[in-house]
Amino acid sequence: MQQRDLIKDQIEQLGKVLSEILSSFFRLKTEGNAKEAIQITTNKFLIKLSISIEELADLNDEELANELLSKNLADTHLDQVATYIFERGICEQEQEKSPLKWFATAKKVIALAEEKSDTITFGRMELKAKIEKASHQ
C-alpha cells in the first residue's frame, strides 16, 4: 500500500512538472519569443525530466517507446509531451523550417499514449487532427 502511494505521488509530481513546463512554453510563445521558448523548454525537459527532446525526434519507434516508458510517464504525461513536440513543429514551420520530424514524433508519442492507456481521448483525437492539418500546409 505504501509503495502504491509513493508511485501515485511520483505520477502526480511528474504531471505538475510537465504542466509547469508547458505553461512556461505557451507563455513565452504568446509573448512572441518562440525561439527562446523552444530553447528554455527543451532545456527544462532535459534538466527536470531527463528527456532530450532533440534526441527523441531522431529515435525510431522502438527506441522512442523504450526511452519514454523508462521515464514512467503515464498516458496523460505522454499527451503533454506530444503537445509540446507538435507545438515545437509549429514554431519551426513559422520560422520557415521543416516541421515534419516534429509532427512525426508527436504522432508516435500519441500512438504510445493510446497503446499505454487502451483509450482514445478527445484531446488526442484533436491533436492528431491538428498534426494532419499542419502537415499539409
C-alpha atoms as a PDB file:
ATOM      1  CA  MET A   1       0.000   0.000   0.000  1.00  0.00           C
ATOM      2  CA  GLN A   2       2.813   2.405   0.903  1.00  0.00           C
ATOM      3  CA  GLN A   3       4.611   1.721  -2.387  1.00  0.00           C
ATOM      4  CA  ARG A   4       1.383   2.364  -4.317  1.00  0.00           C
ATOM      5  CA  ASP A   5       1.035   5.731  -2.573  1.00  0.00           C
ATOM      6  CA  LEU A   6       4.638   6.565  -3.441  1.00  0.00           C
ATOM      7  CA  ILE A   7       4.064   5.726  -7.117  1.00  0.00           C
ATOM      8  CA  LYS A   8       0.870   7.781  -7.118  1.00  0.00           C
ATOM      9  CA  ASP A   9       2.765  10.736  -5.626  1.00  0.00           C
ATOM     10  CA  GLN A  10       5.518  10.398  -8.238  1.00  0.00           C
ATOM     11  CA  ILE A  11       2.954  10.381 -11.056  1.00  0.00           C
ATOM     12  CA  GLU A  12       1.272  13.472  -9.636  1.00  0.00           C
ATOM     13  CA  GLN A  13       4.631  15.235  -9.300  1.00  0.00           C
ATOM     14  CA  LEU A  14       5.521  14.397 -12.905  1.00  0.00           C
ATOM     15  CA  GLY A  15       2.210  15.867 -14.011  1.00  0.00           C
ATOM     16  CA  LYS A  16       2.876  19.072 -12.099  1.00  0.00           C
ATOM     17  CA  VAL A  17       6.353  19.425 -13.594  1.00  0.00           C
ATOM     18  CA  LEU A  18       5.068  18.824 -17.117  1.00  0.00           C
ATOM     19  CA  SER A  19       2.236  21.307 -16.617  1.00  0.00           C
ATOM     20  CA  GLU A  20       4.679  23.941 -15.392  1.00  0.00           C
ATOM     21  CA  ILE A  21       6.993  23.330 -18.345  1.00  0.00           C
ATOM     22  CA  LEU A  22       4.167  23.614 -20.885  1.00  0.00           C
ATOM     23  CA  SER A  23       2.666  26.650 -19.183  1.00  0.00           C
ATOM     24  CA  SER A  24       6.017  28.418 -19.346  1.00  0.00           C
ATOM     25  CA  PHE A  25       6.405  27.453 -23.011  1.00  0.00           C
ATOM     26  CA  PHE A  26       2.992  28.788 -24.024  1.00  0.00           C
ATOM     27  CA  ARG A  27       3.531  31.994 -22.048  1.00  0.00           C
ATOM     28  CA  LEU A  28       6.843  32.693 -23.779  1.00  0.00           C
ATOM     29  CA  LYS A  29       5.441  31.747 -27.177  1.00  0.00           C
ATOM     30  CA  THR A  30       2.436  34.040 -26.663  1.00  0.00           C
ATOM     31  CA  GLU A  31       4.811  36.883 -25.813  1.00  0.00           C
ATOM     32  CA  GLY A  32       6.372  36.417 -29.260  1.00  0.00           C
ATOM     33  CA  ASN A  33       9.509  34.652 -28.093  1.00  0.00           C
ATOM     34  CA  ALA A  34       9.083  31.345 -29.928  1.00  0.00           C
ATOM     35  CA  LYS A  35      12.790  30.680 -30.407  1.00  0.00           C
ATOM     36  CA  GLU A  36      13.542  31.450 -26.748  1.00  0.00           C
ATOM     37  CA  ALA A  37      10.515  29.391 -25.676  1.00  0.00           C
ATOM     38  CA  ILE A  38      11.883  26.368 -27.532  1.00  0.00           C
ATOM     39  CA  GLN A  39      15.359  26.742 -26.049  1.00  0.00           C
ATOM     40  CA  ILE A  40      14.116  27.189 -22.485  1.00  0.00           C
ATOM     41  CA  THR A  41      11.524  24.428 -22.696  1.00  0.00           C
ATOM     42  CA  THR A  42      13.883  21.930 -24.308  1.00  0.00           C
ATOM     43  CA  ASN A  43      16.374  22.678 -21.537  1.00  0.00           C
ATOM     44  CA  LYS A  44      13.696  22.228 -18.834  1.00  0.00           C
ATOM     45  CA  PHE A  45      12.720  18.842 -20.260  1.00  0.00           C
ATOM     46  CA  LEU A  46      16.353  17.783 -20.059  1.00  0.00           C
ATOM     47  CA  ILE A  47      17.084  19.173 -16.589  1.00  0.00           C
ATOM     48  CA  LYS A  48      13.813  18.396 -14.803  1.00  0.00           C
ATOM     49  CA  LEU A  49      12.797  15.150 -16.531  1.00  0.00           C
ATOM     50  CA  SER A  50      15.995  13.858 -18.172  1.00  0.00           C
ATOM     51  CA  ILE A  51      14.215  13.876 -21.532  1.00  0.00           C
ATOM     52  CA  SER A  52      16.152  15.135 -24.528  1.00  0.00           C
ATOM     53  CA  ILE A  53      13.513  16.397 -26.930  1.00  0.00           C
ATOM     54  CA  GLU A  54      16.168  16.741 -29.640  1.00  0.00           C
ATOM     55  CA  GLU A  55      17.137  13.081 -29.311  1.00  0.00           C
ATOM     56  CA  LEU A  56      13.524  11.884 -29.189  1.00  0.00           C
ATOM     57  CA  ALA A  57      12.953  13.239 -32.679  1.00  0.00           C
ATOM     58  CA  ASP A  58      15.818  11.131 -34.008  1.00  0.00           C
ATOM     59  CA  LEU A  59      14.768   7.801 -32.459  1.00  0.00           C
ATOM     60  CA  ASN A  60      12.951   5.016 -34.267  1.00  0.00           C
ATOM     61  CA  ASP A  61       9.595   3.800 -32.926  1.00  0.00           C
ATOM     62  CA  GLU A  62      11.016   1.147 -30.616  1.00  0.00           C
ATOM     63  CA  GLU A  63      13.757   3.388 -29.223  1.00  0.00           C
ATOM     64  CA  LEU A  64      11.268   6.197 -28.650  1.00  0.00           C
ATOM     65  CA  ALA A  65       8.891   3.882 -26.797  1.00  0.00           C
ATOM     66  CA  ASN A  66      11.712   2.466 -24.664  1.00  0.00           C
ATOM     67  CA  GLU A  67      13.031   5.926 -23.813  1.00  0.00           C
ATOM     68  CA  LEU A  68       9.679   7.395 -22.800  1.00  0.00           C
ATOM     69  CA  LEU A  69       8.430   4.308 -20.978  1.00  0.00           C
ATOM     70  CA  SER A  70      11.674   4.173 -18.980  1.00  0.00           C
ATOM     71  CA  LYS A  71      10.660   7.550 -17.516  1.00  0.00           C
ATOM     72  CA  ASN A  72       7.477   6.012 -16.067  1.00  0.00           C
ATOM     73  CA  LEU A  73       5.275   8.526 -17.860  1.00  0.00           C
ATOM     74  CA  ALA A  74       1.532   7.971 -17.672  1.00  0.00           C
ATOM     75  CA  ASP A  75      -0.563   8.258 -20.815  1.00  0.00           C
ATOM     76  CA  THR A  76      -1.614  11.782 -19.825  1.00  0.00           C
ATOM     77  CA  HIS A  77       2.046  12.741 -19.485  1.00  0.00           C
ATOM     78  CA  LEU A  78       2.721  11.358 -22.943  1.00  0.00           C
ATOM     79  CA  ASP A  79      -0.117  13.544 -24.222  1.00  0.00           C
ATOM     80  CA  GLN A  80       1.658  16.572 -22.777  1.00  0.00           C
ATOM     81  CA  VAL A  81       4.981  15.567 -24.329  1.00  0.00           C
ATOM     82  CA  ALA A  82       3.259  15.086 -27.696  1.00  0.00           C
ATOM     83  CA  THR A  83       1.618  18.501 -27.397  1.00  0.00           C
ATOM     84  CA  TYR A  84       4.969  20.190 -26.830  1.00  0.00           C
ATOM     85  CA  ILE A  85       6.605  18.314 -29.703  1.00  0.00           C
ATOM     86  CA  PHE A  86       3.755  19.318 -32.016  1.00  0.00           C
ATOM     87  CA  GLU A  87       3.999  22.959 -30.913  1.00  0.00           C
ATOM     88  CA  ARG A  88       7.741  22.779 -31.485  1.00  0.00           C
ATOM     89  CA  GLY A  89       6.975  21.747 -35.055  1.00  0.00           C
ATOM     90  CA  ILE A  90       4.572  24.675 -35.441  1.00  0.00           C
ATOM     91  CA  CYS A  91       7.318  27.054 -34.287  1.00  0.00           C
ATOM     92  CA  GLU A  92       9.704  25.526 -36.823  1.00  0.00           C
ATOM     93  CA  GLN A  93       7.055  25.940 -39.528  1.00  0.00           C
ATOM     94  CA  GLU A  94       6.575  29.597 -38.580  1.00  0.00           C
ATOM     95  CA  GLN A  95      10.327  30.105 -38.924  1.00  0.00           C
ATOM     96  CA  GLU A  96      10.137  28.520 -42.377  1.00  0.00           C
ATOM     97  CA  LYS A  97      11.971  25.374 -41.282  1.00  0.00           C
ATOM     98  CA  SER A  98      10.710  21.847 -41.880  1.00  0.00           C
ATOM     99  CA  PRO A  99       8.412  20.704 -39.075  1.00  0.00           C
ATOM    100  CA  LEU A 100       7.911  17.171 -40.402  1.00  0.00           C
ATOM    101  CA  LYS A 101      10.200  15.319 -37.982  1.00  0.00           C
ATOM    102  CA  TRP A 102       8.451  17.044 -35.063  1.00  0.00           C
ATOM    103  CA  PHE A 103       4.998  16.174 -36.374  1.00  0.00           C
ATOM    104  CA  ALA A 104       6.051  12.555 -36.972  1.00  0.00           C
ATOM    105  CA  THR A 105       7.476  12.312 -33.453  1.00  0.00           C
ATOM    106  CA  ALA A 106       4.321  13.802 -31.925  1.00  0.00           C
ATOM    107  CA  LYS A 107       2.268  11.173 -33.792  1.00  0.00           C
ATOM    108  CA  LYS A 108       4.483   8.404 -32.401  1.00  0.00           C
ATOM    109  CA  VAL A 109       4.095   9.717 -28.859  1.00  0.00           C
ATOM    110  CA  ILE A 110       0.312   9.897 -29.232  1.00  0.00           C
ATOM    111  CA  ALA A 111       0.262   6.302 -30.507  1.00  0.00           C
ATOM    112  CA  LEU A 112       2.309   5.266 -27.480  1.00  0.00           C
ATOM    113  CA  ALA A 113      -0.126   7.048 -25.148  1.00  0.00           C
ATOM    114  CA  GLU A 114      -3.056   5.268 -26.808  1.00  0.00           C
ATOM    115  CA  GLU A 115      -1.292   1.929 -26.528  1.00  0.00           C
ATOM    116  CA  LYS A 116      -0.450   2.509 -22.880  1.00  0.00           C
ATOM    117  CA  SER A 117      -3.954   3.566 -21.864  1.00  0.00           C
ATOM    118  CA  ASP A 118      -6.085   1.472 -24.229  1.00  0.00           C
ATOM    119  CA  THR A 119      -8.360   4.502 -24.531  1.00  0.00           C
ATOM    120  CA  ILE A 120      -8.882   7.237 -27.040  1.00  0.00           C
ATOM    121  CA  THR A 121      -9.411  10.752 -25.741  1.00  0.00           C
ATOM    122  CA  PHE A 122     -10.883  13.787 -27.430  1.00  0.00           C
ATOM    123  CA  GLY A 123      -7.634  15.622 -26.706  1.00  0.00           C
ATOM    124  CA  ARG A 124      -5.610  13.033 -28.593  1.00  0.00           C
ATOM    125  CA  MET A 125      -8.080  12.992 -31.463  1.00  0.00           C
ATOM    126  CA  GLU A 126      -7.886  16.785 -31.677  1.00  0.00           C
ATOM    127  CA  LEU A 127      -4.081  16.774 -31.571  1.00  0.00           C
ATOM    128  CA  LYS A 128      -3.909  14.129 -34.312  1.00  0.00           C
ATOM    129  CA  ALA A 129      -6.227  16.231 -36.461  1.00  0.00           C
ATOM    130  CA  LYS A 130      -4.088  19.335 -35.866  1.00  0.00           C
ATOM    131  CA  ILE A 131      -0.965  17.416 -36.859  1.00  0.00           C
ATOM    132  CA  GLU A 132      -2.591  16.185 -40.053  1.00  0.00           C
ATOM    133  CA  LYS A 133      -3.785  19.658 -40.956  1.00  0.00           C
ATOM    134  CA  ALA A 134      -0.411  21.267 -40.207  1.00  0.00           C
ATOM    135  CA  SER A 135       1.414  18.555 -42.152  1.00  0.00           C
ATOM    136  CA  HIS A 136      -0.414  19.529 -45.324  1.00  0.00           C
ATOM    137  CA  GLN A 137       0.281  23.257 -45.180  1.00  0.00           C
END
